[in-house]
Amino acid sequence: MAEGQSEEAVLPGWWRQIISSQRREARRVLAELVSTRGIMPLLMKARNGERWTPAEKEELLAHLRRMAHLSPYLIGLMLPGSVLLLPVYAWWLDRRRLRRGD
C-alpha cells in the first residue's frame, strides 16, 4: 500500500459502499440512542409515585417514538443467525430502492 493511501482506497467500490453505509447507519443509531438518555429519570418519576407534567408526557412520547424507529435495527441484530440475514435486512432498509423503482 502506498504511503498516505487509506485501506478503504484499495477495497473494491462495492465493498467501500457497504462499509460507508454501515458506518452511516451506526452513527444514526448511536445518535438516536444518545438522544434518549433522559428517558430513565422520566420513567422513574412515575415509579417513585410522582406525577408527570404535560411537558414531561410529551418528552416521554418523543423518546418512545425515537426508540420505535430503532426497533427494526435492534430486533434484526438480536435474532439468532442475524448475521446471515444482514444482506436481506440491508436490502429491506434501503429506502432508495423505493425511489428507483427496483
PDB file of N, CA and C in Angstrom:
ATOM      1  N   MET A   1       0.850  -1.172   0.000  1.00  0.00           N
ATOM      2  CA  MET A   1       0.000   0.000   0.000  1.00  0.00           C
ATOM      3  C   MET A   1       0.895   1.235   0.000  1.00  0.00           C
ATOM      4  N   ALA A   2       0.594   2.187  -0.843  1.00  0.00           N
ATOM      5  CA  ALA A   2       1.404   3.399  -0.949  1.00  0.00           C
ATOM      6  C   ALA A   2       1.202   4.273   0.270  1.00  0.00           C
ATOM      7  N   GLU A   3       2.218   5.091   0.540  1.00  0.00           N
ATOM      8  CA  GLU A   3       2.159   5.981   1.689  1.00  0.00           C
ATOM      9  C   GLU A   3       1.038   6.998   1.497  1.00  0.00           C
ATOM     10  N   GLY A   4       0.232   7.209   2.570  1.00  0.00           N
ATOM     11  CA  GLY A   4      -0.862   8.167   2.509  1.00  0.00           C
ATOM     12  C   GLY A   4      -2.147   7.596   1.921  1.00  0.00           C
ATOM     13  N   GLN A   5      -2.092   6.343   1.487  1.00  0.00           N
ATOM     14  CA  GLN A   5      -3.269   5.719   0.907  1.00  0.00           C
ATOM     15  C   GLN A   5      -3.991   4.939   2.003  1.00  0.00           C
ATOM     16  N   SER A   6      -5.279   5.191   2.178  1.00  0.00           N
ATOM     17  CA  SER A   6      -6.020   4.516   3.238  1.00  0.00           C
ATOM     18  C   SER A   6      -6.363   3.092   2.808  1.00  0.00           C
ATOM     19  N   GLU A   7      -6.746   2.288   3.801  1.00  0.00           N
ATOM     20  CA  GLU A   7      -7.129   0.908   3.498  1.00  0.00           C
ATOM     21  C   GLU A   7      -8.364   0.870   2.618  1.00  0.00           C
ATOM     22  N   GLU A   8      -9.288   1.815   2.820  1.00  0.00           N
ATOM     23  CA  GLU A   8     -10.518   1.826   2.041  1.00  0.00           C
ATOM     24  C   GLU A   8     -10.258   2.105   0.559  1.00  0.00           C
ATOM     25  N   ALA A   9      -9.191   2.803   0.257  1.00  0.00           N
ATOM     26  CA  ALA A   9      -8.892   3.147  -1.138  1.00  0.00           C
ATOM     27  C   ALA A   9      -8.546   1.908  -1.959  1.00  0.00           C
ATOM     28  N   VAL A  10      -8.055   0.842  -1.321  1.00  0.00           N
ATOM     29  CA  VAL A  10      -7.687  -0.360  -2.047  1.00  0.00           C
ATOM     30  C   VAL A  10      -8.841  -1.353  -2.157  1.00  0.00           C
ATOM     31  N   LEU A  11      -9.888  -1.132  -1.437  1.00  0.00           N
ATOM     32  CA  LEU A  11     -11.037  -2.031  -1.490  1.00  0.00           C
ATOM     33  C   LEU A  11     -11.853  -1.769  -2.752  1.00  0.00           C
ATOM     34  N   PRO A  12     -12.561  -2.799  -3.224  1.00  0.00           N
ATOM     35  CA  PRO A  12     -13.435  -2.585  -4.387  1.00  0.00           C
ATOM     36  C   PRO A  12     -14.543  -1.580  -4.046  1.00  0.00           C
ATOM     37  N   GLY A  13     -15.082  -0.946  -5.062  1.00  0.00           N
ATOM     38  CA  GLY A  13     -16.097   0.089  -4.859  1.00  0.00           C
ATOM     39  C   GLY A  13     -17.322  -0.390  -4.110  1.00  0.00           C
ATOM     40  N   TRP A  14     -17.793  -1.592  -4.449  1.00  0.00           N
ATOM     41  CA  TRP A  14     -18.989  -2.106  -3.776  1.00  0.00           C
ATOM     42  C   TRP A  14     -18.728  -2.350  -2.306  1.00  0.00           C
ATOM     43  N   TRP A  15     -17.510  -2.765  -1.946  1.00  0.00           N
ATOM     44  CA  TRP A  15     -17.164  -3.017  -0.540  1.00  0.00           C
ATOM     45  C   TRP A  15     -17.070  -1.699   0.225  1.00  0.00           C
ATOM     46  N   ARG A  16     -16.490  -0.666  -0.405  1.00  0.00           N
ATOM     47  CA  ARG A  16     -16.425   0.658   0.234  1.00  0.00           C
ATOM     48  C   ARG A  16     -17.823   1.186   0.494  1.00  0.00           C
ATOM     49  N   GLN A  17     -18.747   0.940  -0.453  1.00  0.00           N
ATOM     50  CA  GLN A  17     -20.124   1.394  -0.281  1.00  0.00           C
ATOM     51  C   GLN A  17     -20.784   0.684   0.899  1.00  0.00           C
ATOM     52  N   ILE A  18     -20.545  -0.600   1.048  1.00  0.00           N
ATOM     53  CA  ILE A  18     -21.101  -1.351   2.180  1.00  0.00           C
ATOM     54  C   ILE A  18     -20.556  -0.811   3.496  1.00  0.00           C
ATOM     55  N   ILE A  19     -19.249  -0.580   3.532  1.00  0.00           N
ATOM     56  CA  ILE A  19     -18.627  -0.083   4.763  1.00  0.00           C
ATOM     57  C   ILE A  19     -19.143   1.317   5.097  1.00  0.00           C
ATOM     58  N   SER A  20     -19.243   2.183   4.120  1.00  0.00           N
ATOM     59  CA  SER A  20     -19.716   3.545   4.395  1.00  0.00           C
ATOM     60  C   SER A  20     -21.181   3.537   4.820  1.00  0.00           C
ATOM     61  N   SER A  21     -21.992   2.663   4.229  1.00  0.00           N
ATOM     62  CA  SER A  21     -23.396   2.544   4.641  1.00  0.00           C
ATOM     63  C   SER A  21     -23.500   2.053   6.072  1.00  0.00           C
ATOM     64  N   GLN A  22     -22.684   1.080   6.409  1.00  0.00           N
ATOM     65  CA  GLN A  22     -22.708   0.545   7.771  1.00  0.00           C
ATOM     66  C   GLN A  22     -22.298   1.614   8.774  1.00  0.00           C
ATOM     67  N   ARG A  23     -21.269   2.355   8.464  1.00  0.00           N
ATOM     68  CA  ARG A  23     -20.820   3.416   9.373  1.00  0.00           C
ATOM     69  C   ARG A  23     -21.867   4.512   9.515  1.00  0.00           C
ATOM     70  N   ARG A  24     -22.496   4.882   8.401  1.00  0.00           N
ATOM     71  CA  ARG A  24     -23.542   5.913   8.444  1.00  0.00           C
ATOM     72  C   ARG A  24     -24.701   5.474   9.333  1.00  0.00           C
ATOM     73  N   GLU A  25     -25.156   4.249   9.162  1.00  0.00           N
ATOM     74  CA  GLU A  25     -26.277   3.748   9.954  1.00  0.00           C
ATOM     75  C   GLU A  25     -25.886   3.565  11.416  1.00  0.00           C
ATOM     76  N   ALA A  26     -24.644   3.152  11.674  1.00  0.00           N
ATOM     77  CA  ALA A  26     -24.191   3.015  13.059  1.00  0.00           C
ATOM     78  C   ALA A  26     -24.176   4.380  13.751  1.00  0.00           C
ATOM     79  N   ARG A  27     -23.736   5.417  13.030  1.00  0.00           N
ATOM     80  CA  ARG A  27     -23.760   6.773  13.612  1.00  0.00           C
ATOM     81  C   ARG A  27     -25.185   7.228  13.878  1.00  0.00           C
ATOM     82  N   ARG A  28     -26.099   6.892  12.972  1.00  0.00           N
ATOM     83  CA  ARG A  28     -27.502   7.283  13.145  1.00  0.00           C
ATOM     84  C   ARG A  28     -28.118   6.591  14.357  1.00  0.00           C
ATOM     85  N   VAL A  29     -27.889   5.293  14.485  1.00  0.00           N
ATOM     86  CA  VAL A  29     -28.427   4.550  15.629  1.00  0.00           C
ATOM     87  C   VAL A  29     -27.842   5.075  16.923  1.00  0.00           C
ATOM     88  N   LEU A  30     -26.544   5.327  16.935  1.00  0.00           N
ATOM     89  CA  LEU A  30     -25.903   5.850  18.134  1.00  0.00           C
ATOM     90  C   LEU A  30     -26.456   7.222  18.511  1.00  0.00           C
ATOM     91  N   ALA A  31     -26.661   8.075  17.521  1.00  0.00           N
ATOM     92  CA  ALA A  31     -27.225   9.398  17.787  1.00  0.00           C
ATOM     93  C   ALA A  31     -28.631   9.291  18.364  1.00  0.00           C
ATOM     94  N   GLU A  32     -29.429   8.369  17.851  1.00  0.00           N
ATOM     95  CA  GLU A  32     -30.783   8.172  18.382  1.00  0.00           C
ATOM     96  C   GLU A  32     -30.737   7.646  19.814  1.00  0.00           C
ATOM     97  N   LEU A  33     -29.834   6.715  20.077  1.00  0.00           N
ATOM     98  CA  LEU A  33     -29.727   6.178  21.431  1.00  0.00           C
ATOM     99  C   LEU A  33     -29.247   7.239  22.418  1.00  0.00           C
ATOM    100  N   VAL A  34     -28.314   8.062  22.002  1.00  0.00           N
ATOM    101  CA  VAL A  34     -27.820   9.129  22.874  1.00  0.00           C
ATOM    102  C   VAL A  34     -28.926  10.143  23.162  1.00  0.00           C
ATOM    103  N   SER A  35     -29.779  10.390  22.173  1.00  0.00           N
ATOM    104  CA  SER A  35     -30.848  11.373  22.365  1.00  0.00           C
ATOM    105  C   SER A  35     -31.931  10.885  23.327  1.00  0.00           C
ATOM    106  N   THR A  36     -31.953   9.591  23.643  1.00  0.00           N
ATOM    107  CA  THR A  36     -32.949   9.069  24.588  1.00  0.00           C
ATOM    108  C   THR A  36     -32.384   8.943  25.995  1.00  0.00           C
ATOM    109  N   ARG A  37     -31.296   9.612  26.279  1.00  0.00           N
ATOM    110  CA  ARG A  37     -30.668   9.493  27.596  1.00  0.00           C
ATOM    111  C   ARG A  37     -31.577   9.940  28.740  1.00  0.00           C
ATOM    112  N   GLY A  38     -32.444  10.903  28.527  1.00  0.00           N
ATOM    113  CA  GLY A  38     -33.276  11.439  29.593  1.00  0.00           C
ATOM    114  C   GLY A  38     -34.522  10.627  29.889  1.00  0.00           C
ATOM    115  N   ILE A  39     -34.672   9.468  29.269  1.00  0.00           N
ATOM    116  CA  ILE A  39     -35.900   8.703  29.465  1.00  0.00           C
ATOM    117  C   ILE A  39     -35.958   8.031  30.844  1.00  0.00           C
ATOM    118  N   MET A  40     -34.840   7.581  31.367  1.00  0.00           N
ATOM    119  CA  MET A  40     -34.867   6.860  32.647  1.00  0.00           C
ATOM    120  C   MET A  40     -35.345   7.734  33.809  1.00  0.00           C
ATOM    121  N   PRO A  41     -34.841   8.952  33.976  1.00  0.00           N
ATOM    122  CA  PRO A  41     -35.384   9.773  35.070  1.00  0.00           C
ATOM    123  C   PRO A  41     -36.886  10.020  34.916  1.00  0.00           C
ATOM    124  N   LEU A  42     -37.347  10.180  33.678  1.00  0.00           N
ATOM    125  CA  LEU A  42     -38.782  10.371  33.461  1.00  0.00           C
ATOM    126  C   LEU A  42     -39.578   9.124  33.845  1.00  0.00           C
ATOM    127  N   LEU A  43     -39.103   7.979  33.447  1.00  0.00           N
ATOM    128  CA  LEU A  43     -39.802   6.743  33.785  1.00  0.00           C
ATOM    129  C   LEU A  43     -39.793   6.493  35.292  1.00  0.00           C
ATOM    130  N   MET A  44     -38.693   6.777  35.933  1.00  0.00           N
ATOM    131  CA  MET A  44     -38.583   6.545  37.375  1.00  0.00           C
ATOM    132  C   MET A  44     -39.439   7.519  38.175  1.00  0.00           C
ATOM    133  N   LYS A  45     -39.752   8.650  37.613  1.00  0.00           N
ATOM    134  CA  LYS A  45     -40.591   9.625  38.309  1.00  0.00           C
ATOM    135  C   LYS A  45     -41.957   9.014  38.625  1.00  0.00           C
ATOM    136  N   ALA A  46     -42.566   8.353  37.658  1.00  0.00           N
ATOM    137  CA  ALA A  46     -43.858   7.701  37.887  1.00  0.00           C
ATOM    138  C   ALA A  46     -43.704   6.514  38.838  1.00  0.00           C
ATOM    139  N   ARG A  47     -42.605   5.824  38.720  1.00  0.00           N
ATOM    140  CA  ARG A  47     -42.343   4.666  39.588  1.00  0.00           C
ATOM    141  C   ARG A  47     -42.205   5.084  41.044  1.00  0.00           C
ATOM    142  N   ASN A  48     -41.683   6.274  41.272  1.00  0.00           N
ATOM    143  CA  ASN A  48     -41.483   6.783  42.630  1.00  0.00           C
ATOM    144  C   ASN A  48     -42.709   7.510  43.173  1.00  0.00           C
ATOM    145  N   GLY A  49     -43.821   7.430  42.478  1.00  0.00           N
ATOM    146  CA  GLY A  49     -45.066   7.990  42.973  1.00  0.00           C
ATOM    147  C   GLY A  49     -45.325   9.434  42.593  1.00  0.00           C
ATOM    148  N   GLU A  50     -44.488  10.030  41.781  1.00  0.00           N
ATOM    149  CA  GLU A  50     -44.702  11.408  41.348  1.00  0.00           C
ATOM    150  C   GLU A  50     -45.523  11.414  40.067  1.00  0.00           C
ATOM    151  N   ARG A  51     -46.078  12.556  39.746  1.00  0.00           N
ATOM    152  CA  ARG A  51     -46.883  12.698  38.523  1.00  0.00           C
ATOM    153  C   ARG A  51     -46.069  13.392  37.443  1.00  0.00           C
ATOM    154  N   TRP A  52     -46.361  13.009  36.192  1.00  0.00           N
ATOM    155  CA  TRP A  52     -45.729  13.665  35.056  1.00  0.00           C
ATOM    156  C   TRP A  52     -46.493  14.937  34.722  1.00  0.00           C
ATOM    157  N   THR A  53     -45.752  15.975  34.365  1.00  0.00           N
ATOM    158  CA  THR A  53     -46.382  17.192  33.861  1.00  0.00           C
ATOM    159  C   THR A  53     -46.717  16.970  32.391  1.00  0.00           C
ATOM    160  N   PRO A  54     -47.580  17.792  31.814  1.00  0.00           N
ATOM    161  CA  PRO A  54     -47.867  17.636  30.368  1.00  0.00           C
ATOM    162  C   PRO A  54     -46.607  17.741  29.503  1.00  0.00           C
ATOM    163  N   ALA A  55     -45.678  18.602  29.875  1.00  0.00           N
ATOM    164  CA  ALA A  55     -44.427  18.729  29.105  1.00  0.00           C
ATOM    165  C   ALA A  55     -43.602  17.444  29.214  1.00  0.00           C
ATOM    166  N   GLU A  56     -43.587  16.837  30.394  1.00  0.00           N
ATOM    167  CA  GLU A  56     -42.840  15.587  30.570  1.00  0.00           C
ATOM    168  C   GLU A  56     -43.496  14.446  29.796  1.00  0.00           C
ATOM    169  N   LYS A  57     -44.810  14.437  29.722  1.00  0.00           N
ATOM    170  CA  LYS A  57     -45.506  13.417  28.930  1.00  0.00           C
ATOM    171  C   LYS A  57     -45.146  13.540  27.451  1.00  0.00           C
ATOM    172  N   GLU A  58     -45.086  14.768  26.966  1.00  0.00           N
ATOM    173  CA  GLU A  58     -44.691  14.986  25.566  1.00  0.00           C
ATOM    174  C   GLU A  58     -43.258  14.532  25.320  1.00  0.00           C
ATOM    175  N   GLU A  59     -42.375  14.840  26.268  1.00  0.00           N
ATOM    176  CA  GLU A  59     -40.971  14.424  26.143  1.00  0.00           C
ATOM    177  C   GLU A  59     -40.862  12.902  26.149  1.00  0.00           C
ATOM    178  N   LEU A  60     -41.625  12.257  27.014  1.00  0.00           N
ATOM    179  CA  LEU A  60     -41.624  10.800  27.092  1.00  0.00           C
ATOM    180  C   LEU A  60     -42.127  10.187  25.786  1.00  0.00           C
ATOM    181  N   LEU A  61     -43.184  10.751  25.215  1.00  0.00           N
ATOM    182  CA  LEU A  61     -43.685  10.266  23.930  1.00  0.00           C
ATOM    183  C   LEU A  61     -42.653  10.444  22.821  1.00  0.00           C
ATOM    184  N   ALA A  62     -41.946  11.562  22.844  1.00  0.00           N
ATOM    185  CA  ALA A  62     -40.904  11.787  21.834  1.00  0.00           C
ATOM    186  C   ALA A  62     -39.796  10.740  21.955  1.00  0.00           C
ATOM    187  N   HIS A  63     -39.407  10.418  23.184  1.00  0.00           N
ATOM    188  CA  HIS A  63     -38.389   9.374  23.396  1.00  0.00           C
ATOM    189  C   HIS A  63     -38.885   8.025  22.876  1.00  0.00           C
ATOM    190  N   LEU A  64     -40.118   7.694  23.191  1.00  0.00           N
ATOM    191  CA  LEU A  64     -40.666   6.402  22.761  1.00  0.00           C
ATOM    192  C   LEU A  64     -40.783   6.318  21.242  1.00  0.00           C
ATOM    193  N   ARG A  65     -41.115   7.424  20.605  1.00  0.00           N
ATOM    194  CA  ARG A  65     -41.178   7.426  19.134  1.00  0.00           C
ATOM    195  C   ARG A  65     -39.798   7.202  18.525  1.00  0.00           C
ATOM    196  N   ARG A  66     -38.781   7.862  19.112  1.00  0.00           N
ATOM    197  CA  ARG A  66     -37.413   7.658  18.616  1.00  0.00           C
ATOM    198  C   ARG A  66     -37.005   6.203  18.749  1.00  0.00           C
ATOM    199  N   MET A  67     -37.329   5.600  19.890  1.00  0.00           N
ATOM    200  CA  MET A  67     -36.959   4.203  20.107  1.00  0.00           C
ATOM    201  C   MET A  67     -37.738   3.273  19.180  1.00  0.00           C
ATOM    202  N   ALA A  68     -38.978   3.611  18.862  1.00  0.00           N
ATOM    203  CA  ALA A  68     -39.770   2.776  17.956  1.00  0.00           C
ATOM    204  C   ALA A  68     -39.169   2.763  16.554  1.00  0.00           C
ATOM    205  N   HIS A  69     -38.559   3.870  16.139  1.00  0.00           N
ATOM    206  CA  HIS A  69     -37.914   3.913  14.822  1.00  0.00           C
ATOM    207  C   HIS A  69     -36.663   3.048  14.783  1.00  0.00           C
ATOM    208  N   LEU A  70     -36.077   2.776  15.942  1.00  0.00           N
ATOM    209  CA  LEU A  70     -34.885   1.932  16.000  1.00  0.00           C
ATOM    210  C   LEU A  70     -35.209   0.454  16.124  1.00  0.00           C
ATOM    211  N   SER A  71     -36.430   0.104  16.445  1.00  0.00           N
ATOM    212  CA  SER A  71     -36.758  -1.290  16.717  1.00  0.00           C
ATOM    213  C   SER A  71     -36.411  -2.243  15.575  1.00  0.00           C
ATOM    214  N   PRO A  72     -36.593  -1.900  14.297  1.00  0.00           N
ATOM    215  CA  PRO A  72     -36.178  -2.866  13.267  1.00  0.00           C
ATOM    216  C   PRO A  72     -34.682  -3.181  13.323  1.00  0.00           C
ATOM    217  N   TYR A  73     -33.869  -2.186  13.643  1.00  0.00           N
ATOM    218  CA  TYR A  73     -32.431  -2.426  13.758  1.00  0.00           C
ATOM    219  C   TYR A  73     -32.136  -3.363  14.916  1.00  0.00           C
ATOM    220  N   LEU A  74     -32.707  -3.063  16.062  1.00  0.00           N
ATOM    221  CA  LEU A  74     -32.387  -3.821  17.263  1.00  0.00           C
ATOM    222  C   LEU A  74     -32.939  -5.238  17.203  1.00  0.00           C
ATOM    223  N   ILE A  75     -34.136  -5.408  16.680  1.00  0.00           N
ATOM    224  CA  ILE A  75     -34.712  -6.750  16.570  1.00  0.00           C
ATOM    225  C   ILE A  75     -33.892  -7.585  15.592  1.00  0.00           C
ATOM    226  N   GLY A  76     -33.526  -6.987  14.481  1.00  0.00           N
ATOM    227  CA  GLY A  76     -32.745  -7.714  13.485  1.00  0.00           C
ATOM    228  C   GLY A  76     -31.380  -8.138  13.979  1.00  0.00           C
ATOM    229  N   LEU A  77     -30.810  -7.399  14.892  1.00  0.00           N
ATOM    230  CA  LEU A  77     -29.486  -7.751  15.403  1.00  0.00           C
ATOM    231  C   LEU A  77     -29.543  -8.765  16.535  1.00  0.00           C
ATOM    232  N   MET A  78     -30.696  -8.924  17.174  1.00  0.00           N
ATOM    233  CA  MET A  78     -30.799  -9.846  18.303  1.00  0.00           C
ATOM    234  C   MET A  78     -31.259 -11.239  17.893  1.00  0.00           C
ATOM    235  N   LEU A  79     -31.760 -11.400  16.684  1.00  0.00           N
ATOM    236  CA  LEU A  79     -32.242 -12.698  16.242  1.00  0.00           C
ATOM    237  C   LEU A  79     -31.092 -13.681  16.053  1.00  0.00           C
ATOM    238  N   PRO A  80     -31.321 -14.957  16.379  1.00  0.00           N
ATOM    239  CA  PRO A  80     -30.278 -15.959  16.097  1.00  0.00           C
ATOM    240  C   PRO A  80     -30.052 -16.052  14.589  1.00  0.00           C
ATOM    241  N   GLY A  81     -28.825 -16.094  14.196  1.00  0.00           N
ATOM    242  CA  GLY A  81     -28.487 -16.177  12.782  1.00  0.00           C
ATOM    243  C   GLY A  81     -28.659 -14.864  12.042  1.00  0.00           C
ATOM    244  N   SER A  82     -28.740 -13.768  12.775  1.00  0.00           N
ATOM    245  CA  SER A  82     -28.997 -12.473  12.139  1.00  0.00           C
ATOM    246  C   SER A  82     -27.858 -12.045  11.215  1.00  0.00           C
ATOM    247  N   VAL A  83     -26.665 -12.512  11.470  1.00  0.00           N
ATOM    248  CA  VAL A  83     -25.538 -12.163  10.603  1.00  0.00           C
ATOM    249  C   VAL A  83     -25.784 -12.689   9.193  1.00  0.00           C
ATOM    250  N   LEU A  84     -26.399 -13.848   9.085  1.00  0.00           N
ATOM    251  CA  LEU A  84     -26.687 -14.417   7.773  1.00  0.00           C
ATOM    252  C   LEU A  84     -27.801 -13.656   7.062  1.00  0.00           C
ATOM    253  N   LEU A  85     -28.645 -12.962   7.838  1.00  0.00           N
ATOM    254  CA  LEU A  85     -29.754 -12.217   7.252  1.00  0.00           C
ATOM    255  C   LEU A  85     -29.400 -10.766   6.938  1.00  0.00           C
ATOM    256  N   LEU A  86     -28.200 -10.329   7.273  1.00  0.00           N
ATOM    257  CA  LEU A  86     -27.836  -8.932   7.074  1.00  0.00           C
ATOM    258  C   LEU A  86     -27.992  -8.441   5.636  1.00  0.00           C
ATOM    259  N   PRO A  87     -27.618  -9.207   4.609  1.00  0.00           N
ATOM    260  CA  PRO A  87     -27.839  -8.704   3.244  1.00  0.00           C
ATOM    261  C   PRO A  87     -29.324  -8.472   2.929  1.00  0.00           C
ATOM    262  N   VAL A  88     -30.187  -9.367   3.371  1.00  0.00           N
ATOM    263  CA  VAL A  88     -31.625  -9.195   3.154  1.00  0.00           C
ATOM    264  C   VAL A  88     -32.123  -7.996   3.952  1.00  0.00           C
ATOM    265  N   TYR A  89     -31.641  -7.882   5.158  1.00  0.00           N
ATOM    266  CA  TYR A  89     -32.010  -6.776   6.031  1.00  0.00           C
ATOM    267  C   TYR A  89     -31.582  -5.438   5.423  1.00  0.00           C
ATOM    268  N   ALA A  90     -30.383  -5.370   4.878  1.00  0.00           N
ATOM    269  CA  ALA A  90     -29.897  -4.140   4.245  1.00  0.00           C
ATOM    270  C   ALA A  90     -30.752  -3.794   3.025  1.00  0.00           C
ATOM    271  N   TRP A  91     -31.124  -4.806   2.233  1.00  0.00           N
ATOM    272  CA  TRP A  91     -31.983  -4.552   1.074  1.00  0.00           C
ATOM    273  C   TRP A  91     -33.332  -3.995   1.528  1.00  0.00           C
ATOM    274  N   TRP A  92     -33.895  -4.561   2.580  1.00  0.00           N
ATOM    275  CA  TRP A  92     -35.206  -4.133   3.082  1.00  0.00           C
ATOM    276  C   TRP A  92     -35.156  -2.702   3.608  1.00  0.00           C
ATOM    277  N   LEU A  93     -34.062  -2.324   4.243  1.00  0.00           N
ATOM    278  CA  LEU A  93     -33.942  -0.986   4.815  1.00  0.00           C
ATOM    279  C   LEU A  93     -33.549   0.074   3.790  1.00  0.00           C
ATOM    280  N   ASP A  94     -33.112  -0.350   2.626  1.00  0.00           N
ATOM    281  CA  ASP A  94     -32.654   0.600   1.620  1.00  0.00           C
ATOM    282  C   ASP A  94     -33.833   1.379   1.054  1.00  0.00           C
ATOM    283  N   ARG A  95     -34.046   2.556   1.558  1.00  0.00           N
ATOM    284  CA  ARG A  95     -35.183   3.393   1.158  1.00  0.00           C
ATOM    285  C   ARG A  95     -35.022   3.900  -0.282  1.00  0.00           C
ATOM    286  N   ARG A  96     -33.795   3.960  -0.752  1.00  0.00           N
ATOM    287  CA  ARG A  96     -33.562   4.462  -2.103  1.00  0.00           C
ATOM    288  C   ARG A  96     -34.153   3.544  -3.159  1.00  0.00           C
ATOM    289  N   ARG A  97     -34.250   2.258  -2.889  1.00  0.00           N
ATOM    290  CA  ARG A  97     -34.788   1.341  -3.887  1.00  0.00           C
ATOM    291  C   ARG A  97     -36.238   1.659  -4.188  1.00  0.00           C
ATOM    292  N   LEU A  98     -36.945   2.253  -3.241  1.00  0.00           N
ATOM    293  CA  LEU A  98     -38.333   2.625  -3.477  1.00  0.00           C
ATOM    294  C   LEU A  98     -38.436   3.756  -4.485  1.00  0.00           C
ATOM    295  N   ARG A  99     -37.487   4.705  -4.398  1.00  0.00           N
ATOM    296  CA  ARG A  99     -37.478   5.819  -5.347  1.00  0.00           C
ATOM    297  C   ARG A  99     -37.012   5.382  -6.727  1.00  0.00           C
ATOM    298  N   ARG A 100     -36.105   4.407  -6.781  1.00  0.00           N
ATOM    299  CA  ARG A 100     -35.583   3.941  -8.055  1.00  0.00           C
ATOM    300  C   ARG A 100     -36.574   3.036  -8.772  1.00  0.00           C
ATOM    301  N   GLY A 101     -37.482   2.440  -8.014  1.00  0.00           N
ATOM    302  CA  GLY A 101     -38.470   1.543  -8.610  1.00  0.00           C
ATOM    303  C   GLY A 101     -37.975   0.127  -8.778  1.00  0.00           C
ATOM    304  N   ASP A 102     -36.919  -0.262  -8.033  1.00  0.00           N
ATOM    305  CA  ASP A 102     -36.395  -1.647  -8.116  1.00  0.00           C
ATOM    306  C   ASP A 102     -37.323  -2.619  -7.432  1.00  0.00           C
TER     307      ASP A 102
END
